[in-house]
C-alpha atoms as a PDB file:
ATOM      1  CA  MET A   1      -5.908   8.733   2.397  1.00  0.00           C
ATOM      2  CA  VAL A   2      -6.557   5.090   3.690  1.00  0.00           C
ATOM      3  CA  ALA A   3      -4.085   3.404   6.023  1.00  0.00           C
ATOM      4  CA  ALA A   4      -4.255  -0.043   7.429  1.00  0.00           C
ATOM      5  CA  GLN A   5      -1.883  -1.281   9.935  1.00  0.00           C
ATOM      6  CA  PHE A   6      -1.241  -4.902  11.047  1.00  0.00           C
ATOM      7  CA  ILE A   7       1.640  -7.062  12.705  1.00  0.00           C
ATOM      8  CA  THR A   8       2.590 -10.404  10.853  1.00  0.00           C
ATOM      9  CA  SER A   9       5.278 -12.488   9.864  1.00  0.00           C
ATOM     10  CA  PHE A  10       3.997 -13.451   6.473  1.00  0.00           C
ATOM     11  CA  PHE A  11       5.952 -11.709   4.260  1.00  0.00           C
ATOM     12  CA  ASP A  12       9.478 -12.805   3.571  1.00  0.00           C
ATOM     13  CA  PHE A  13      11.548  -9.373   2.998  1.00  0.00           C
ATOM     14  CA  SER A  14      14.935 -11.053   2.500  1.00  0.00           C
ATOM     15  CA  GLY A  15      14.669 -10.380  -1.073  1.00  0.00           C
ATOM     16  CA  ASP A  16      13.877  -6.650  -0.971  1.00  0.00           C
ATOM     17  CA  PRO A  17      16.417  -4.602  -2.406  1.00  0.00           C
ATOM     18  CA  PRO A  18      18.257  -1.973  -0.252  1.00  0.00           C
ATOM     19  CA  ASN A  19      16.091   0.684   0.584  1.00  0.00           C
ATOM     20  CA  PRO A  20      18.390   4.161  -0.173  1.00  0.00           C
ATOM     21  CA  PRO A  21      17.218   6.351   2.444  1.00  0.00           C
ATOM     22  CA  ASN A  22      17.186   3.785   5.234  1.00  0.00           C
ATOM     23  CA  ASP A  23      16.687  -0.174   5.671  1.00  0.00           C
ATOM     24  CA  ILE A  24      12.776   0.152   5.963  1.00  0.00           C
ATOM     25  CA  LYS A  25      11.122  -2.758   4.572  1.00  0.00           C
ATOM     26  CA  GLY A  26       7.992  -2.922   2.521  1.00  0.00           C
ATOM     27  CA  ARG A  27       8.561  -3.819  -1.349  1.00  0.00           C
ATOM     28  CA  ALA A  28       7.399  -7.612  -0.723  1.00  0.00           C
ATOM     29  CA  ILE A  29       4.218  -6.015   0.674  1.00  0.00           C
ATOM     30  CA  LEU A  30       3.758  -3.957  -2.690  1.00  0.00           C
ATOM     31  CA  VAL A  31       4.667  -7.224  -4.784  1.00  0.00           C
ATOM     32  CA  TRP A  32       1.984  -9.279  -3.364  1.00  0.00           C
ATOM     33  CA  LEU A  33      -0.542  -6.650  -3.524  1.00  0.00           C
ATOM     34  CA  ARG A  34       0.168  -5.887  -7.382  1.00  0.00           C
ATOM     35  CA  GLU A  35      -0.986  -9.522  -8.005  1.00  0.00           C
ATOM     36  CA  ARG A  36      -4.002  -9.671  -5.670  1.00  0.00           C
ATOM     37  CA  CYS A  37      -5.546  -6.542  -6.754  1.00  0.00           C
ATOM     38  CA  ALA A  38      -5.160  -6.884 -10.538  1.00  0.00           C
ATOM     39  CA  HIS A  39      -8.737  -7.463 -10.817  1.00  0.00           C
ATOM     40  CA  ARG A  40      -9.400  -3.902  -9.720  1.00  0.00           C
ATOM     41  CA  ALA A  41      -6.614  -1.613 -10.571  1.00  0.00           C
ATOM     42  CA  THR A  42      -3.141  -1.803 -12.298  1.00  0.00           C
ATOM     43  CA  LEU A  43      -0.211  -1.368  -9.915  1.00  0.00           C
ATOM     44  CA  SER A  44       3.165  -0.451 -10.939  1.00  0.00           C
ATOM     45  CA  ALA A  45       6.134  -2.495  -9.905  1.00  0.00           C
ATOM     46  CA  PRO A  46       7.355  -0.747  -6.884  1.00  0.00           C
ATOM     47  CA  GLU A  47       9.275   1.822  -7.885  1.00  0.00           C
ATOM     48  CA  SER A  48      11.471   3.126  -5.160  1.00  0.00           C
ATOM     49  CA  GLY A  49      12.093   3.454  -1.671  1.00  0.00           C
ATOM     50  CA  GLU A  50      11.420   6.546   0.099  1.00  0.00           C
ATOM     51  CA  ASP A  51      12.470   7.456   3.675  1.00  0.00           C
ATOM     52  CA  TRP A  52       9.485   5.781   5.669  1.00  0.00           C
ATOM     53  CA  GLY A  53       9.229   2.700   3.363  1.00  0.00           C
ATOM     54  CA  TRP A  54       8.475   1.997  -0.443  1.00  0.00           C
ATOM     55  CA  ILE A  55       5.830   3.534  -2.977  1.00  0.00           C
ATOM     56  CA  CYS A  56       4.252   2.217  -6.093  1.00  0.00           C
ATOM     57  CA  ALA A  57       1.550   3.787  -8.039  1.00  0.00           C
ATOM     58  CA  ALA A  58      -2.203   2.577  -9.042  1.00  0.00           C
ATOM     59  CA  ASP A  59      -4.464   3.250 -11.793  1.00  0.00           C
ATOM     60  CA  ASN A  60      -8.083   2.382 -11.870  1.00  0.00           C
ATOM     61  CA  ALA A  61     -10.186   3.588 -14.819  1.00  0.00           C
ATOM     62  CA  GLY A  62      -7.725   6.493 -15.654  1.00  0.00           C
ATOM     63  CA  GLN A  63      -7.532   7.399 -11.759  1.00  0.00           C
ATOM     64  CA  ARG A  64      -4.331   7.724 -10.331  1.00  0.00           C
ATOM     65  CA  TYR A  65      -3.051   6.641  -6.693  1.00  0.00           C
ATOM     66  CA  MET A  66       0.290   6.262  -4.941  1.00  0.00           C
ATOM     67  CA  ILE A  67       0.263   3.024  -2.765  1.00  0.00           C
ATOM     68  CA  GLY A  68       2.961   3.105  -0.032  1.00  0.00           C
ATOM     69  CA  ALA A  69       4.308   0.023   2.556  1.00  0.00           C
ATOM     70  CA  SER A  70       6.216  -0.191   5.378  1.00  0.00           C
ATOM     71  CA  ALA A  71       7.686  -2.902   7.624  1.00  0.00           C
ATOM     72  CA  GLU A  72       9.698  -2.645  10.686  1.00  0.00           C
ATOM     73  CA  PRO A  73      10.765  -5.299  12.588  1.00  0.00           C
ATOM     74  CA  ASP A  74       8.631  -5.925  15.890  1.00  0.00           C
ATOM     75  CA  GLU A  75       8.657  -8.806  18.771  1.00  0.00           C
ATOM     76  CA  ALA A  76       5.705 -10.667  16.604  1.00  0.00           C
ATOM     77  CA  GLY A  77       7.204 -10.475  13.461  1.00  0.00           C
ATOM     78  CA  TYR A  78       7.220  -7.025  11.028  1.00  0.00           C
ATOM     79  CA  ALA A  79       4.922  -3.756  11.979  1.00  0.00           C
ATOM     80  CA  CYS A  80       3.488  -3.270   8.791  1.00  0.00           C
ATOM     81  CA  THR A  81       1.181  -0.226   7.082  1.00  0.00           C
ATOM     82  CA  VAL A  82      -0.180   0.464   3.850  1.00  0.00           C
ATOM     83  CA  GLN A  83      -1.231   3.479   2.590  1.00  0.00           C
ATOM     84  CA  VAL A  84      -3.240   4.173  -0.527  1.00  0.00           C
ATOM     85  CA  GLU A  85      -3.539   7.695  -1.700  1.00  0.00           C
ATOM     86  CA  LYS A  86      -5.839   9.010  -4.394  1.00  0.00           C
ATOM     87  CA  MET A  87      -3.856  11.376  -6.295  1.00  0.00           C
ATOM     88  CA  ARG A  88      -5.913  14.544  -7.233  1.00  0.00           C
ATOM     89  CA  SER A  89      -5.130  17.792  -8.974  1.00  0.00           C
ATOM     90  CA  MET A  90      -4.783  21.336  -7.660  1.00  0.00           C
ATOM     91  CA  THR A  91      -8.110  22.433  -9.256  1.00  0.00           C
ATOM     92  CA  ASP A  92      -9.897  19.226  -7.631  1.00  0.00           C
ATOM     93  CA  ARG A  93      -8.214  20.100  -4.279  1.00  0.00           C
ATOM     94  CA  MET A  94      -9.365  23.654  -4.673  1.00  0.00           C
ATOM     95  CA  PHE A  95     -12.865  22.496  -5.138  1.00  0.00           C
ATOM     96  CA  GLY A  96     -13.018  19.948  -2.835  1.00  0.00           C
ATOM     97  CA  ARG A  97     -13.656  17.646  -6.017  1.00  0.00           C
ATOM     98  CA  ASN A  98     -12.757  14.129  -6.464  1.00  0.00           C
ATOM     99  CA  LYS A  99     -11.946  13.047  -2.656  1.00  0.00           C
ATOM    100  CA  MET A 100     -11.107   9.594  -1.521  1.00  0.00           C
ATOM    101  CA  ASP A 101     -14.345   8.282   0.116  1.00  0.00           C
ATOM    102  CA  ALA A 102     -14.704   5.102   2.005  1.00  0.00           C
ATOM    103  CA  ASP A 103     -16.052   3.170  -1.222  1.00  0.00           C
ATOM    104  CA  ASP A 104     -13.346   4.073  -3.436  1.00  0.00           C
ATOM    105  CA  PRO A 105     -12.616   1.005  -5.520  1.00  0.00           C
ATOM    106  CA  VAL A 106      -8.734   0.866  -5.086  1.00  0.00           C
ATOM    107  CA  ALA A 107      -8.780   1.418  -1.636  1.00  0.00           C
ATOM    108  CA  GLN A 108     -11.388  -1.334  -0.749  1.00  0.00           C
ATOM    109  CA  ALA A 109      -9.217  -3.765  -3.262  1.00  0.00           C
ATOM    110  CA  VAL A 110      -6.557  -3.120  -1.455  1.00  0.00           C
ATOM    111  CA  LEU A 111      -7.857  -3.581   2.143  1.00  0.00           C
ATOM    112  CA  ALA A 112      -9.794  -6.706   0.546  1.00  0.00           C
ATOM    113  CA  ALA A 113      -6.686  -7.929  -0.229  1.00  0.00           C
ATOM    114  CA  LEU A 114      -5.387  -7.641   3.232  1.00  0.00           C
ATOM    115  CA  ARG A 115      -8.339  -8.470   5.184  1.00  0.00           C
ATOM    116  CA  GLY A 116      -8.494 -11.814   2.819  1.00  0.00           C
ATOM    117  CA  GLU A 117      -5.004 -13.294   4.359  1.00  0.00           C
ATOM    118  CA  PRO A 118      -5.809 -15.054   7.321  1.00  0.00           C
ATOM    119  CA  ALA A 119      -1.964 -15.019   8.170  1.00  0.00           C
ATOM    120  CA  LEU A 120      -2.016 -11.230   8.390  1.00  0.00           C
ATOM    121  CA  GLY A 121      -3.937 -11.043  11.689  1.00  0.00           C
ATOM    122  CA  PRO A 122      -6.088  -8.419  12.459  1.00  0.00           C
ATOM    123  CA  ILE A 123      -6.045  -5.539  10.045  1.00  0.00           C
ATOM    124  CA  ASP A 124      -6.587  -2.138  11.590  1.00  0.00           C
ATOM    125  CA  VAL A 125      -8.021   0.911   9.362  1.00  0.00           C
END
């Protein structure tokens, strides 16, 4: 899994629908990423709220991913986290195959999109 954290007031979460388990924001981040990562991966519309934020599915050349985002109020805006998880079969997990690495194209596309927006400030990975 790759996780990026940053603090920003760039996103407008006022249009996010209610997150049923709680009031954690994050959908606006996934909508924004969907547009900016389209050249490397197909991201679904944000599917649902989770108890820790929002998720969407992604696909790159048949490989599936889950991308999650959360945003919680902070004195300087919102403390945001974006996670990219490569989905692997049980067999892949058992035999240590198809692991996510630093060169993963979807993780790199997400990180490039985040780092490419100066208004987001420093991105910690």
